C-alpha atoms as a PDB file:
ATOM      1  CA  UNK A   1     -23.793  61.455 114.697  1.00  0.00           C
ATOM      2  CA  UNK A   2     -22.730  58.481 113.161  1.00  0.00           C
ATOM      3  CA  UNK A   3     -23.751  55.698 115.197  1.00  0.00           C
ATOM      4  CA  UNK A   4     -21.008  53.746 116.189  1.00  0.00           C
ATOM      5  CA  UNK A   5     -21.151  49.613 117.465  1.00  0.00           C
ATOM      6  CA  UNK A   6     -18.194  48.509 119.272  1.00  0.00           C
ATOM      7  CA  UNK A   7     -18.407  44.962 119.833  1.00  0.00           C
ATOM      8  CA  UNK A   8     -15.510  43.967 122.193  1.00  0.00           C
ATOM      9  CA  UNK A   9     -15.095  39.826 122.267  1.00  0.00           C
ATOM     10  CA  UNK A  10     -14.235  39.810 126.127  1.00  0.00           C
ATOM     11  CA  UNK A  11     -17.032  38.246 127.716  1.00  0.00           C
ATOM     12  CA  UNK A  12     -19.086  41.520 126.927  1.00  0.00           C
ATOM     13  CA  UNK A  13     -20.537  43.484 124.212  1.00  0.00           C
ATOM     14  CA  UNK A  14     -20.396  47.155 124.734  1.00  0.00           C
ATOM     15  CA  UNK A  15     -22.837  49.078 121.872  1.00  0.00           C
ATOM     16  CA  UNK A  16     -22.310  53.063 121.881  1.00  0.00           C
ATOM     17  CA  UNK A  17     -23.542  55.612 119.464  1.00  0.00           C
ATOM     18  CA  UNK A  18     -22.465  59.355 118.093  1.00  0.00           C
ATOM     19  CA  UNK A  19     -20.708  61.890 119.621  1.00  0.00           C
ATOM     20  CA  UNK A  20     -18.447  62.090 122.769  1.00  0.00           C
ATOM     21  CA  UNK A  21     -16.393  64.421 124.740  1.00  0.00           C
ATOM     22  CA  UNK A  22     -13.136  62.575 124.559  1.00  0.00           C
ATOM     23  CA  UNK A  23     -10.624  64.862 123.860  1.00  0.00           C
ATOM     24  CA  UNK A  24      -8.479  64.725 120.519  1.00  0.00           C
ATOM     25  CA  UNK A  25      -5.362  63.600 122.738  1.00  0.00           C
ATOM     26  CA  UNK A  26      -7.650  60.869 124.529  1.00  0.00           C
ATOM     27  CA  UNK A  27      -8.623  59.849 121.188  1.00  0.00           C
ATOM     28  CA  UNK A  28      -5.370  59.470 119.624  1.00  0.00           C
ATOM     29  CA  UNK A  29      -4.025  57.497 123.253  1.00  0.00           C
ATOM     30  CA  UNK A  30      -7.270  55.210 122.236  1.00  0.00           C
ATOM     31  CA  UNK A  31      -5.750  54.055 119.363  1.00  0.00           C
ATOM     32  CA  UNK A  32      -2.110  53.611 120.748  1.00  0.00           C
ATOM     33  CA  UNK A  33      -3.461  51.566 123.446  1.00  0.00           C
ATOM     34  CA  UNK A  34      -4.891  48.971 121.318  1.00  0.00           C
ATOM     35  CA  UNK A  35      -1.735  48.479 119.540  1.00  0.00           C
ATOM     36  CA  UNK A  36      -0.135  45.141 119.959  1.00  0.00           C
ATOM     37  CA  UNK A  37      -3.339  44.231 122.250  1.00  0.00           C
ATOM     38  CA  UNK A  38      -5.836  43.816 119.709  1.00  0.00           C
ATOM     39  CA  UNK A  39      -6.512  43.130 115.993  1.00  0.00           C
ATOM     40  CA  UNK A  40      -9.659  45.379 114.634  1.00  0.00           C
ATOM     41  CA  UNK A  41     -12.379  44.784 111.973  1.00  0.00           C
ATOM     42  CA  UNK A  42     -14.068  48.306 110.948  1.00  0.00           C
ATOM     43  CA  UNK A  43     -17.120  47.824 109.331  1.00  0.00           C
ATOM     44  CA  UNK A  44     -18.705  51.073 107.648  1.00  0.00           C
ATOM     45  CA  UNK A  45     -21.689  51.698 105.513  1.00  0.00           C
ATOM     46  CA  UNK A  46     -25.438  51.670 105.554  1.00  0.00           C
ATOM     47  CA  UNK A  47     -27.208  49.910 108.290  1.00  0.00           C
ATOM     48  CA  UNK A  48     -28.485  46.681 106.565  1.00  0.00           C
ATOM     49  CA  UNK A  49     -25.109  46.159 104.900  1.00  0.00           C
ATOM     50  CA  UNK A  50     -23.138  46.883 108.527  1.00  0.00           C
ATOM     51  CA  UNK A  51     -25.453  44.785 110.473  1.00  0.00           C
ATOM     52  CA  UNK A  52     -25.225  41.793 108.109  1.00  0.00           C
ATOM     53  CA  UNK A  53     -21.590  41.725 108.133  1.00  0.00           C
ATOM     54  CA  UNK A  54     -21.283  42.623 111.947  1.00  0.00           C
ATOM     55  CA  UNK A  55     -23.760  39.425 112.408  1.00  0.00           C
ATOM     56  CA  UNK A  56     -21.415  37.178 110.541  1.00  0.00           C
ATOM     57  CA  UNK A  57     -18.493  38.108 113.112  1.00  0.00           C
ATOM     58  CA  UNK A  58     -21.040  37.552 116.346  1.00  0.00           C
ATOM     59  CA  UNK A  59     -21.826  34.112 115.038  1.00  0.00           C
ATOM     60  CA  UNK A  60     -18.500  32.933 115.231  1.00  0.00           C
ATOM     61  CA  UNK A  61     -17.577  34.885 118.542  1.00  0.00           C
ATOM     62  CA  UNK A  62     -14.877  32.260 119.696  1.00  0.00           C
ATOM     63  CA  UNK A  63     -13.154  32.490 116.691  1.00  0.00           C
ATOM     64  CA  UNK A  64     -12.988  36.087 117.219  1.00  0.00           C
ATOM     65  CA  UNK A  65     -12.234  36.084 120.750  1.00  0.00           C
ATOM     66  CA  UNK A  66      -9.551  33.780 119.796  1.00  0.00           C
ATOM     67  CA  UNK A  67      -7.732  36.219 117.201  1.00  0.00           C
ATOM     68  CA  UNK A  68      -8.083  38.975 119.787  1.00  0.00           C
ATOM     69  CA  UNK A  69     -10.414  41.072 117.470  1.00  0.00           C
ATOM     70  CA  UNK A  70     -12.340  44.436 118.310  1.00  0.00           C
ATOM     71  CA  UNK A  71     -15.365  44.800 115.646  1.00  0.00           C
ATOM     72  CA  UNK A  72     -16.068  48.512 115.246  1.00  0.00           C
ATOM     73  CA  UNK A  73     -19.102  49.436 113.380  1.00  0.00           C
ATOM     74  CA  UNK A  74     -20.048  52.785 111.373  1.00  0.00           C
ATOM     75  CA  UNK A  75     -23.405  53.330 110.312  1.00  0.00           C
ATOM     76  CA  UNK A  76     -24.453  55.521 107.799  1.00  0.00           C
ATOM     77  CA  UNK A  77     -26.616  57.869 107.467  1.00  0.00           C
ATOM     78  CA  UNK A  78     -25.907  59.683 111.264  1.00  0.00           C
ATOM     79  CA  UNK A  79     -28.057  59.818 114.079  1.00  0.00           C
ATOM     80  CA  UNK A  80     -27.996  62.009 117.341  1.00  0.00           C
ATOM     81  CA  UNK A  81     -27.461  59.491 120.073  1.00  0.00           C
ATOM     82  CA  UNK A  82     -25.146  59.689 123.381  1.00  0.00           C
ATOM     83  CA  UNK A  83     -21.862  57.360 122.912  1.00  0.00           C
ATOM     84  CA  UNK A  84     -19.589  56.100 125.410  1.00  0.00           C
ATOM     85  CA  UNK A  85     -17.458  58.419 126.545  1.00  0.00           C
ATOM     86  CA  UNK A  86     -14.045  56.477 126.377  1.00  0.00           C
ATOM     87  CA  UNK A  87     -14.519  56.032 122.951  1.00  0.00           C
ATOM     88  CA  UNK A  88     -13.006  58.086 119.909  1.00  0.00           C
ATOM     89  CA  UNK A  89     -15.769  59.537 118.002  1.00  0.00           C
ATOM     90  CA  UNK A  90     -16.935  58.395 114.429  1.00  0.00           C
ATOM     91  CA  UNK A  91     -15.265  61.240 113.034  1.00  0.00           C
ATOM     92  CA  UNK A  92     -11.685  60.119 114.810  1.00  0.00           C
ATOM     93  CA  UNK A  93     -12.113  56.638 113.590  1.00  0.00           C
ATOM     94  CA  UNK A  94     -13.018  57.281 110.112  1.00  0.00           C
ATOM     95  CA  UNK A  95      -9.843  59.705 109.767  1.00  0.00           C
ATOM     96  CA  UNK A  96      -7.773  57.100 111.655  1.00  0.00           C
ATOM     97  CA  UNK A  97      -8.540  54.634 109.256  1.00  0.00           C
ATOM     98  CA  UNK A  98      -8.949  56.873 106.038  1.00  0.00           C
ATOM     99  CA  UNK A  99     -12.593  56.018 105.533  1.00  0.00           C
ATOM    100  CA  UNK A 100     -13.667  58.925 103.218  1.00  0.00           C
ATOM    101  CA  UNK A 101     -16.570  57.702 101.627  1.00  0.00           C
ATOM    102  CA  UNK A 102     -20.084  56.306 103.510  1.00  0.00           C
ATOM    103  CA  UNK A 103     -20.254  53.391 100.944  1.00  0.00           C
ATOM    104  CA  UNK A 104     -19.735  49.865 102.245  1.00  0.00           C
ATOM    105  CA  UNK A 105     -16.066  48.708 103.391  1.00  0.00           C
ATOM    106  CA  UNK A 106     -14.539  46.712 105.756  1.00  0.00           C
ATOM    107  CA  UNK A 107     -10.970  46.806 106.985  1.00  0.00           C
ATOM    108  CA  UNK A 108      -8.808  44.357 108.769  1.00  0.00           C
ATOM    109  CA  UNK A 109      -6.647  45.786 111.121  1.00  0.00           C
ATOM    110  CA  UNK A 110      -3.341  44.144 112.457  1.00  0.00           C
ATOM    111  CA  UNK A 111      -2.162  44.601 115.989  1.00  0.00           C
ATOM    112  CA  UNK A 112       0.577  47.363 114.743  1.00  0.00           C
ATOM    113  CA  UNK A 113      -2.247  49.752 114.002  1.00  0.00           C
ATOM    114  CA  UNK A 114      -1.853  49.014 110.180  1.00  0.00           C
ATOM    115  CA  UNK A 115      -4.765  48.260 107.858  1.00  0.00           C
ATOM    116  CA  UNK A 116      -4.031  45.007 106.257  1.00  0.00           C
ATOM    117  CA  UNK A 117      -7.165  44.409 104.638  1.00  0.00           C
ATOM    118  CA  UNK A 118      -9.505  46.870 103.046  1.00  0.00           C
ATOM    119  CA  UNK A 119     -12.531  45.519 101.027  1.00  0.00           C
ATOM    120  CA  UNK A 120     -15.849  47.120  99.818  1.00  0.00           C
ATOM    121  CA  UNK A 121     -18.038  43.857  99.385  1.00  0.00           C
ATOM    122  CA  UNK A 122     -19.309  41.576 102.487  1.00  0.00           C
ATOM    123  CA  UNK A 123     -16.808  38.731 103.237  1.00  0.00           C
ATOM    124  CA  UNK A 124     -17.078  35.734 105.008  1.00  0.00           C
ATOM    125  CA  UNK A 125     -15.184  36.174 108.460  1.00  0.00           C
ATOM    126  CA  UNK A 126     -12.807  32.774 107.425  1.00  0.00           C
ATOM    127  CA  UNK A 127     -11.344  35.004 104.866  1.00  0.00           C
ATOM    128  CA  UNK A 128      -9.914  37.833 107.503  1.00  0.00           C
ATOM    129  CA  UNK A 129      -9.341  35.055 109.862  1.00  0.00           C
ATOM    130  CA  UNK A 130      -7.376  33.005 107.138  1.00  0.00           C
ATOM    131  CA  UNK A 131      -5.247  36.178 106.549  1.00  0.00           C
ATOM    132  CA  UNK A 132      -4.878  36.943 110.610  1.00  0.00           C
ATOM    133  CA  UNK A 133      -3.650  33.127 110.879  1.00  0.00           C
ATOM    134  CA  UNK A 134      -0.998  33.886 108.192  1.00  0.00           C
ATOM    135  CA  UNK A 135       0.387  36.895 110.218  1.00  0.00           C
ATOM    136  CA  UNK A 136       3.838  36.315 111.897  1.00  0.00           C
ATOM    137  CA  UNK A 137       2.537  37.580 114.937  1.00  0.00           C
ATOM    138  CA  UNK A 138      -0.325  35.193 115.222  1.00  0.00           C
ATOM    139  CA  UNK A 139       1.760  32.301 114.249  1.00  0.00           C
ATOM    140  CA  UNK A 140       3.804  33.336 117.151  1.00  0.00           C
ATOM    141  CA  UNK A 141       0.687  33.207 119.589  1.00  0.00           C
ATOM    142  CA  UNK A 142      -0.449  29.969 118.118  1.00  0.00           C
ATOM    143  CA  UNK A 143       3.030  28.465 118.496  1.00  0.00           C
ATOM    144  CA  UNK A 144       2.871  29.813 122.195  1.00  0.00           C
ATOM    145  CA  UNK A 145      -0.168  28.453 123.019  1.00  0.00           C
ATOM    146  CA  UNK A 146       0.455  25.157 121.949  1.00  0.00           C
ATOM    147  CA  UNK A 147       3.614  24.703 124.163  1.00  0.00           C
ATOM    148  CA  UNK A 148       1.456  26.001 127.465  1.00  0.00           C
END
């Protein structure tokens, strides 16, 4: 099965692999439960490229945290390992975000659950941060933060 790494920047890192026993309804509900709470970066491709891209985000964990980002990674080729049962499996993530190739790609998903950017080469996190910072919801978050 494809190894999935989920990095949740809320003070902890969860690493998960392979197939899980979450029902399809639970998996759909998981995606719905993330709406309006988190933005996502989904990175899919060969192990070296995915890890390199992921590490670029990890280095900027404060900025990732500040933008409510979840970073999900799908590494090809697949490996058989056990996955955290509270997460959707690799095929559901791929299906949900319309990832049809094993070639490298990185997606930026807004809090509304919609894919905002899909790129096929490594990106500097700042490019996605700029895109996020231009979103109306993010501008509202910053305005509220400055009021407090």
